């Protein structure tokens, strides 16, 4: 576990350096956002996801990941807005959505109930 965290920190440091040279390197942003989340650096992950949404505004998965970051930072209304956008753009992995640990804080909210209703309508 300790070695895994150390390796993750090294990867984060490397990717931060890459992004200082090329802030719009999308693949590096995707990996760094995931690494930040795995390290518990949710605010940093949120910043990455916000940058990715600007670069890929029509990407359903980018909006889904932004919803996860909002959930992890207890910004539930924003999570609902981003998740709604992800679904509008074509996100359809509803079973993953229902079990994604990043959305766990969000699932207990009234905002999640509205997303559930939307999913039910789409499944009909």
N, C-alpha and C. Protein backbone atom coordinates (compact mmCIF):
# COMPACT_ATOMS: atom_id res chain seq x y z
N UNK A 1 0.83 -1.20 0.00
CA UNK A 1 0.00 0.00 0.00
C UNK A 1 0.88 1.26 0.00
N UNK A 2 1.90 1.26 0.83
CA UNK A 2 2.77 2.42 0.91
C UNK A 2 3.49 2.67 -0.42
N UNK A 3 3.96 1.59 -1.03
CA UNK A 3 4.65 1.70 -2.33
C UNK A 3 3.68 2.19 -3.40
N UNK A 4 2.44 1.70 -3.34
CA UNK A 4 1.43 2.13 -4.32
C UNK A 4 1.17 3.63 -4.20
N UNK A 5 1.06 4.14 -2.98
CA UNK A 5 0.85 5.57 -2.78
C UNK A 5 2.06 6.37 -3.26
N UNK A 6 3.23 5.86 -3.00
CA UNK A 6 4.46 6.53 -3.44
C UNK A 6 4.50 6.59 -4.97
N UNK A 7 4.18 5.48 -5.60
CA UNK A 7 4.15 5.44 -7.07
C UNK A 7 3.12 6.42 -7.62
N UNK A 8 1.97 6.48 -6.96
CA UNK A 8 0.91 7.40 -7.37
C UNK A 8 1.40 8.84 -7.23
N UNK A 9 2.06 9.16 -6.15
CA UNK A 9 2.59 10.51 -5.95
C UNK A 9 3.62 10.87 -7.01
N UNK A 10 4.45 9.91 -7.39
CA UNK A 10 5.45 10.14 -8.44
C UNK A 10 4.75 10.41 -9.77
N UNK A 11 3.73 9.61 -10.08
CA UNK A 11 2.98 9.81 -11.33
C UNK A 11 2.30 11.17 -11.33
N UNK A 12 1.71 11.56 -10.20
CA UNK A 12 1.06 12.87 -10.09
C UNK A 12 2.08 13.98 -10.35
N UNK A 13 3.22 13.88 -9.73
CA UNK A 13 4.26 14.89 -9.90
C UNK A 13 4.70 14.99 -11.36
N UNK A 14 4.88 13.84 -11.99
CA UNK A 14 5.27 13.81 -13.41
C UNK A 14 4.22 14.48 -14.27
N UNK A 15 2.95 14.09 -14.08
CA UNK A 15 1.87 14.64 -14.91
C UNK A 15 1.68 16.14 -14.67
N UNK A 16 1.86 16.58 -13.44
CA UNK A 16 1.77 18.02 -13.17
C UNK A 16 2.84 18.76 -13.97
N UNK A 17 4.04 18.17 -14.06
CA UNK A 17 5.11 18.77 -14.87
C UNK A 17 4.77 18.81 -16.34
N UNK A 18 4.21 17.73 -16.84
CA UNK A 18 3.79 17.68 -18.24
C UNK A 18 2.77 18.78 -18.52
N UNK A 19 1.81 18.92 -17.61
CA UNK A 19 0.74 19.90 -17.82
C UNK A 19 1.20 21.35 -17.63
N UNK A 20 2.28 21.55 -16.91
CA UNK A 20 2.84 22.91 -16.84
C UNK A 20 3.34 23.33 -18.23
N UNK A 21 3.86 22.37 -18.97
CA UNK A 21 4.36 22.65 -20.33
C UNK A 21 3.23 22.67 -21.36
N UNK A 22 2.21 21.85 -21.15
CA UNK A 22 1.09 21.77 -22.10
C UNK A 22 -0.21 21.59 -21.33
N UNK A 23 -0.81 22.71 -20.87
CA UNK A 23 -2.01 22.63 -20.02
C UNK A 23 -3.24 22.03 -20.69
N UNK A 24 -3.21 21.85 -22.00
CA UNK A 24 -4.37 21.29 -22.69
C UNK A 24 -4.12 19.86 -23.17
N UNK A 25 -3.12 19.20 -22.63
CA UNK A 25 -2.81 17.82 -23.00
C UNK A 25 -3.89 16.93 -22.35
N UNK A 26 -4.90 16.60 -23.15
CA UNK A 26 -6.11 15.97 -22.63
C UNK A 26 -5.86 14.62 -21.96
N UNK A 27 -5.04 13.78 -22.57
CA UNK A 27 -4.79 12.46 -21.99
C UNK A 27 -4.12 12.58 -20.62
N UNK A 28 -3.20 13.52 -20.49
CA UNK A 28 -2.55 13.74 -19.20
C UNK A 28 -3.55 14.27 -18.18
N UNK A 29 -4.44 15.13 -18.61
CA UNK A 29 -5.47 15.66 -17.71
C UNK A 29 -6.37 14.53 -17.20
N UNK A 30 -6.76 13.64 -18.09
CA UNK A 30 -7.64 12.52 -17.70
C UNK A 30 -6.97 11.66 -16.65
N UNK A 31 -5.72 11.28 -16.89
CA UNK A 31 -5.00 10.41 -15.94
C UNK A 31 -4.76 11.15 -14.63
N UNK A 32 -4.36 12.42 -14.70
CA UNK A 32 -4.10 13.18 -13.48
C UNK A 32 -5.37 13.35 -12.65
N UNK A 33 -6.50 13.61 -13.30
CA UNK A 33 -7.76 13.72 -12.57
C UNK A 33 -8.09 12.45 -11.82
N UNK A 34 -7.90 11.32 -12.49
CA UNK A 34 -8.13 10.02 -11.85
C UNK A 34 -7.16 9.81 -10.69
N UNK A 35 -5.90 10.15 -10.90
CA UNK A 35 -4.89 9.99 -9.85
C UNK A 35 -5.22 10.85 -8.62
N UNK A 36 -5.63 12.09 -8.86
CA UNK A 36 -6.00 12.97 -7.74
C UNK A 36 -7.14 12.34 -6.94
N UNK A 37 -8.13 11.82 -7.63
CA UNK A 37 -9.27 11.21 -6.94
C UNK A 37 -8.81 10.00 -6.15
N UNK A 38 -7.98 9.15 -6.74
CA UNK A 38 -7.48 7.96 -6.04
C UNK A 38 -6.66 8.35 -4.82
N UNK A 39 -6.03 9.53 -4.85
CA UNK A 39 -5.20 9.99 -3.73
C UNK A 39 -6.02 10.76 -2.70
N UNK A 40 -7.31 10.99 -3.01
CA UNK A 40 -8.16 11.73 -2.08
C UNK A 40 -8.06 13.23 -2.23
N UNK A 41 -7.47 13.68 -3.30
CA UNK A 41 -7.31 15.11 -3.57
C UNK A 41 -8.48 15.57 -4.45
N UNK A 42 -9.65 15.58 -3.84
CA UNK A 42 -10.89 15.80 -4.59
C UNK A 42 -11.01 17.20 -5.19
N UNK A 43 -10.57 18.21 -4.48
CA UNK A 43 -10.62 19.58 -5.01
C UNK A 43 -9.73 19.71 -6.24
N UNK A 44 -8.54 19.09 -6.19
CA UNK A 44 -7.65 19.11 -7.35
C UNK A 44 -8.27 18.35 -8.52
N UNK A 45 -8.90 17.23 -8.23
CA UNK A 45 -9.58 16.47 -9.27
C UNK A 45 -10.70 17.27 -9.91
N UNK A 46 -11.43 18.02 -9.09
CA UNK A 46 -12.50 18.87 -9.60
C UNK A 46 -11.94 19.91 -10.58
N UNK A 47 -10.82 20.53 -10.24
CA UNK A 47 -10.21 21.52 -11.14
C UNK A 47 -9.85 20.89 -12.48
N UNK A 48 -9.33 19.68 -12.44
CA UNK A 48 -8.98 18.98 -13.68
C UNK A 48 -10.24 18.70 -14.50
N UNK A 49 -11.29 18.22 -13.84
CA UNK A 49 -12.53 17.92 -14.56
C UNK A 49 -13.16 19.17 -15.17
N UNK A 50 -13.06 20.28 -14.47
CA UNK A 50 -13.57 21.54 -15.02
C UNK A 50 -12.78 21.94 -16.28
N UNK A 51 -11.47 21.73 -16.24
CA UNK A 51 -10.64 22.02 -17.42
C UNK A 51 -11.01 21.10 -18.58
N UNK A 52 -11.25 19.83 -18.28
CA UNK A 52 -11.61 18.87 -19.33
C UNK A 52 -12.96 19.20 -19.97
N UNK A 53 -13.91 19.67 -19.17
CA UNK A 53 -15.22 20.03 -19.72
C UNK A 53 -15.07 21.18 -20.72
N UNK A 54 -14.15 22.10 -20.44
CA UNK A 54 -13.92 23.21 -21.40
C UNK A 54 -13.32 22.68 -22.70
N UNK A 55 -12.46 21.66 -22.59
CA UNK A 55 -11.81 21.10 -23.77
C UNK A 55 -12.71 20.13 -24.54
N UNK A 56 -13.59 19.46 -23.81
CA UNK A 56 -14.47 18.43 -24.42
C UNK A 56 -15.92 18.65 -23.98
N UNK A 57 -16.53 19.76 -24.38
CA UNK A 57 -17.88 20.07 -23.88
C UNK A 57 -18.97 19.09 -24.31
N UNK A 58 -18.73 18.32 -25.33
CA UNK A 58 -19.74 17.37 -25.83
C UNK A 58 -19.47 15.93 -25.40
N UNK A 59 -18.52 15.73 -24.51
CA UNK A 59 -18.11 14.39 -24.08
C UNK A 59 -18.90 13.97 -22.83
N UNK A 60 -19.76 12.98 -22.99
CA UNK A 60 -20.62 12.53 -21.89
C UNK A 60 -19.80 12.04 -20.69
N UNK A 61 -18.72 11.31 -20.95
CA UNK A 61 -17.92 10.77 -19.86
C UNK A 61 -17.20 11.86 -19.07
N UNK A 62 -16.80 12.91 -19.74
CA UNK A 62 -16.17 14.04 -19.06
C UNK A 62 -17.17 14.69 -18.10
N UNK A 63 -18.40 14.85 -18.54
CA UNK A 63 -19.44 15.42 -17.67
C UNK A 63 -19.76 14.47 -16.52
N UNK A 64 -19.77 13.17 -16.80
CA UNK A 64 -19.99 12.19 -15.74
C UNK A 64 -18.89 12.30 -14.67
N UNK A 65 -17.64 12.37 -15.12
CA UNK A 65 -16.53 12.49 -14.17
C UNK A 65 -16.61 13.79 -13.37
N UNK A 66 -17.07 14.86 -14.01
CA UNK A 66 -17.26 16.12 -13.30
C UNK A 66 -18.33 15.96 -12.22
N UNK A 67 -19.39 15.23 -12.54
CA UNK A 67 -20.44 14.96 -11.55
C UNK A 67 -19.85 14.21 -10.35
N UNK A 68 -18.98 13.26 -10.62
CA UNK A 68 -18.33 12.51 -9.54
C UNK A 68 -17.49 13.44 -8.67
N UNK A 69 -16.74 14.34 -9.29
CA UNK A 69 -15.93 15.29 -8.52
C UNK A 69 -16.80 16.20 -7.67
N UNK A 70 -17.90 16.65 -8.24
CA UNK A 70 -18.82 17.48 -7.45
C UNK A 70 -19.39 16.67 -6.28
N UNK A 71 -19.71 15.42 -6.51
CA UNK A 71 -20.23 14.57 -5.44
C UNK A 71 -19.20 14.43 -4.32
N UNK A 72 -17.96 14.18 -4.71
CA UNK A 72 -16.89 13.98 -3.71
C UNK A 72 -16.56 15.25 -2.93
N UNK A 73 -16.95 16.41 -3.48
CA UNK A 73 -16.74 17.67 -2.77
C UNK A 73 -18.04 18.22 -2.20
N UNK A 74 -19.06 17.35 -2.13
CA UNK A 74 -20.36 17.68 -1.52
C UNK A 74 -21.08 18.85 -2.19
N UNK A 75 -20.89 18.99 -3.49
CA UNK A 75 -21.59 20.01 -4.26
C UNK A 75 -22.68 19.30 -5.07
N UNK A 76 -23.74 18.94 -4.38
CA UNK A 76 -24.71 18.02 -4.94
C UNK A 76 -25.58 18.59 -6.05
N UNK A 77 -25.93 19.85 -5.95
CA UNK A 77 -26.71 20.45 -7.03
C UNK A 77 -25.89 20.49 -8.32
N UNK A 78 -24.62 20.86 -8.21
CA UNK A 78 -23.73 20.87 -9.37
C UNK A 78 -23.52 19.46 -9.90
N UNK A 79 -23.45 18.47 -9.00
CA UNK A 79 -23.32 17.08 -9.42
C UNK A 79 -24.53 16.67 -10.26
N UNK A 80 -25.70 17.06 -9.82
CA UNK A 80 -26.93 16.72 -10.55
C UNK A 80 -26.94 17.37 -11.93
N UNK A 81 -26.53 18.62 -12.00
CA UNK A 81 -26.49 19.33 -13.28
C UNK A 81 -25.52 18.64 -14.25
N UNK A 82 -24.34 18.27 -13.75
CA UNK A 82 -23.35 17.60 -14.60
C UNK A 82 -23.80 16.21 -15.01
N UNK A 83 -24.41 15.49 -14.10
CA UNK A 83 -24.89 14.15 -14.41
C UNK A 83 -26.05 14.22 -15.42
N UNK A 84 -26.90 15.19 -15.25
CA UNK A 84 -27.99 15.41 -16.19
C UNK A 84 -27.43 15.69 -17.59
N UNK A 85 -26.39 16.51 -17.66
CA UNK A 85 -25.75 16.82 -18.94
C UNK A 85 -25.11 15.56 -19.53
N UNK A 86 -24.45 14.76 -18.70
CA UNK A 86 -23.83 13.52 -19.18
C UNK A 86 -24.88 12.62 -19.82
N UNK A 87 -26.02 12.50 -19.17
CA UNK A 87 -27.10 11.66 -19.70
C UNK A 87 -27.64 12.24 -21.00
N UNK A 88 -27.82 13.56 -21.03
CA UNK A 88 -28.30 14.21 -22.26
C UNK A 88 -27.32 13.98 -23.42
N UNK A 89 -26.03 13.90 -23.11
CA UNK A 89 -25.01 13.70 -24.14
C UNK A 89 -24.81 12.23 -24.51
N UNK A 90 -25.54 11.35 -23.82
CA UNK A 90 -25.49 9.95 -24.21
C UNK A 90 -24.93 8.97 -23.20
N UNK A 91 -24.60 9.41 -21.99
CA UNK A 91 -24.10 8.47 -20.98
C UNK A 91 -25.21 7.47 -20.66
N UNK A 92 -24.88 6.17 -20.75
CA UNK A 92 -25.91 5.16 -20.55
C UNK A 92 -25.48 3.99 -19.65
N UNK A 93 -24.38 4.09 -18.97
CA UNK A 93 -23.95 3.00 -18.08
C UNK A 93 -24.63 3.19 -16.72
N UNK A 94 -25.95 2.96 -16.73
CA UNK A 94 -26.75 3.25 -15.55
C UNK A 94 -26.47 2.32 -14.38
N UNK A 95 -26.06 1.09 -14.65
CA UNK A 95 -25.75 0.19 -13.53
C UNK A 95 -24.48 0.66 -12.83
N UNK A 96 -23.50 1.16 -13.58
CA UNK A 96 -22.29 1.70 -12.95
C UNK A 96 -22.64 2.96 -12.15
N UNK A 97 -23.46 3.82 -12.73
CA UNK A 97 -23.90 5.03 -12.06
C UNK A 97 -24.51 4.70 -10.70
N UNK A 98 -25.29 3.63 -10.65
CA UNK A 98 -25.99 3.25 -9.41
C UNK A 98 -25.04 2.70 -8.35
N UNK A 99 -23.83 2.31 -8.73
CA UNK A 99 -22.90 1.70 -7.78
C UNK A 99 -21.54 2.41 -7.69
N UNK A 100 -21.33 3.43 -8.49
CA UNK A 100 -20.04 4.14 -8.50
C UNK A 100 -19.78 4.72 -7.11
N UNK A 101 -18.67 4.32 -6.47
CA UNK A 101 -18.38 4.83 -5.12
C UNK A 101 -18.18 6.35 -5.08
N UNK A 102 -17.78 6.94 -6.19
CA UNK A 102 -17.60 8.40 -6.22
C UNK A 102 -18.93 9.14 -6.09
N UNK A 103 -20.02 8.48 -6.44
CA UNK A 103 -21.34 9.11 -6.34
C UNK A 103 -22.06 8.77 -5.04
N UNK A 104 -21.43 8.00 -4.19
CA UNK A 104 -22.08 7.58 -2.94
C UNK A 104 -22.59 8.78 -2.12
N UNK A 105 -21.79 9.84 -1.94
CA UNK A 105 -22.31 10.97 -1.15
C UNK A 105 -23.55 11.61 -1.78
N UNK A 106 -23.63 11.57 -3.10
CA UNK A 106 -24.71 12.20 -3.86
C UNK A 106 -26.00 11.39 -3.81
N UNK A 107 -25.87 10.08 -3.68
CA UNK A 107 -27.05 9.20 -3.78
C UNK A 107 -28.11 9.45 -2.71
N UNK A 108 -27.75 10.01 -1.59
CA UNK A 108 -28.72 10.25 -0.53
C UNK A 108 -29.47 11.57 -0.66
N UNK A 109 -29.30 12.25 -1.77
CA UNK A 109 -29.90 13.58 -1.92
C UNK A 109 -31.16 13.54 -2.77
N UNK A 110 -31.95 14.60 -2.66
CA UNK A 110 -33.13 14.72 -3.51
C UNK A 110 -32.73 14.92 -4.97
N UNK A 111 -31.54 15.46 -5.20
CA UNK A 111 -31.05 15.64 -6.58
C UNK A 111 -30.87 14.28 -7.27
N UNK A 112 -30.39 13.30 -6.52
CA UNK A 112 -30.20 11.97 -7.09
C UNK A 112 -31.53 11.33 -7.47
N UNK A 113 -32.54 11.58 -6.67
CA UNK A 113 -33.87 11.02 -6.97
C UNK A 113 -34.36 11.53 -8.33
N UNK A 114 -34.07 12.78 -8.66
CA UNK A 114 -34.46 13.32 -9.97
C UNK A 114 -33.69 12.63 -11.09
N UNK A 115 -32.43 12.34 -10.85
CA UNK A 115 -31.63 11.62 -11.84
C UNK A 115 -32.19 10.21 -12.02
N UNK A 116 -32.56 9.56 -10.91
CA UNK A 116 -33.15 8.23 -10.99
C UNK A 116 -34.43 8.24 -11.83
N UNK A 117 -35.25 9.27 -11.64
CA UNK A 117 -36.48 9.39 -12.42
C UNK A 117 -36.17 9.53 -13.92
N UNK A 118 -35.16 10.31 -14.23
CA UNK A 118 -34.76 10.49 -15.63
C UNK A 118 -34.28 9.17 -16.21
N UNK A 119 -33.48 8.43 -15.45
CA UNK A 119 -32.97 7.13 -15.91
C UNK A 119 -34.13 6.18 -16.16
N UNK A 120 -35.10 6.14 -15.25
CA UNK A 120 -36.27 5.28 -15.42
C UNK A 120 -37.01 5.60 -16.71
N UNK A 121 -37.17 6.88 -16.99
CA UNK A 121 -37.85 7.30 -18.22
C UNK A 121 -37.10 6.82 -19.46
N UNK A 122 -35.78 6.91 -19.41
CA UNK A 122 -34.97 6.49 -20.56
C UNK A 122 -35.00 4.98 -20.76
N UNK A 123 -35.18 4.25 -19.68
CA UNK A 123 -35.20 2.79 -19.77
C UNK A 123 -36.54 2.26 -20.32
N UNK A 124 -37.56 3.11 -20.29
CA UNK A 124 -38.90 2.69 -20.76
C UNK A 124 -38.94 2.52 -22.25
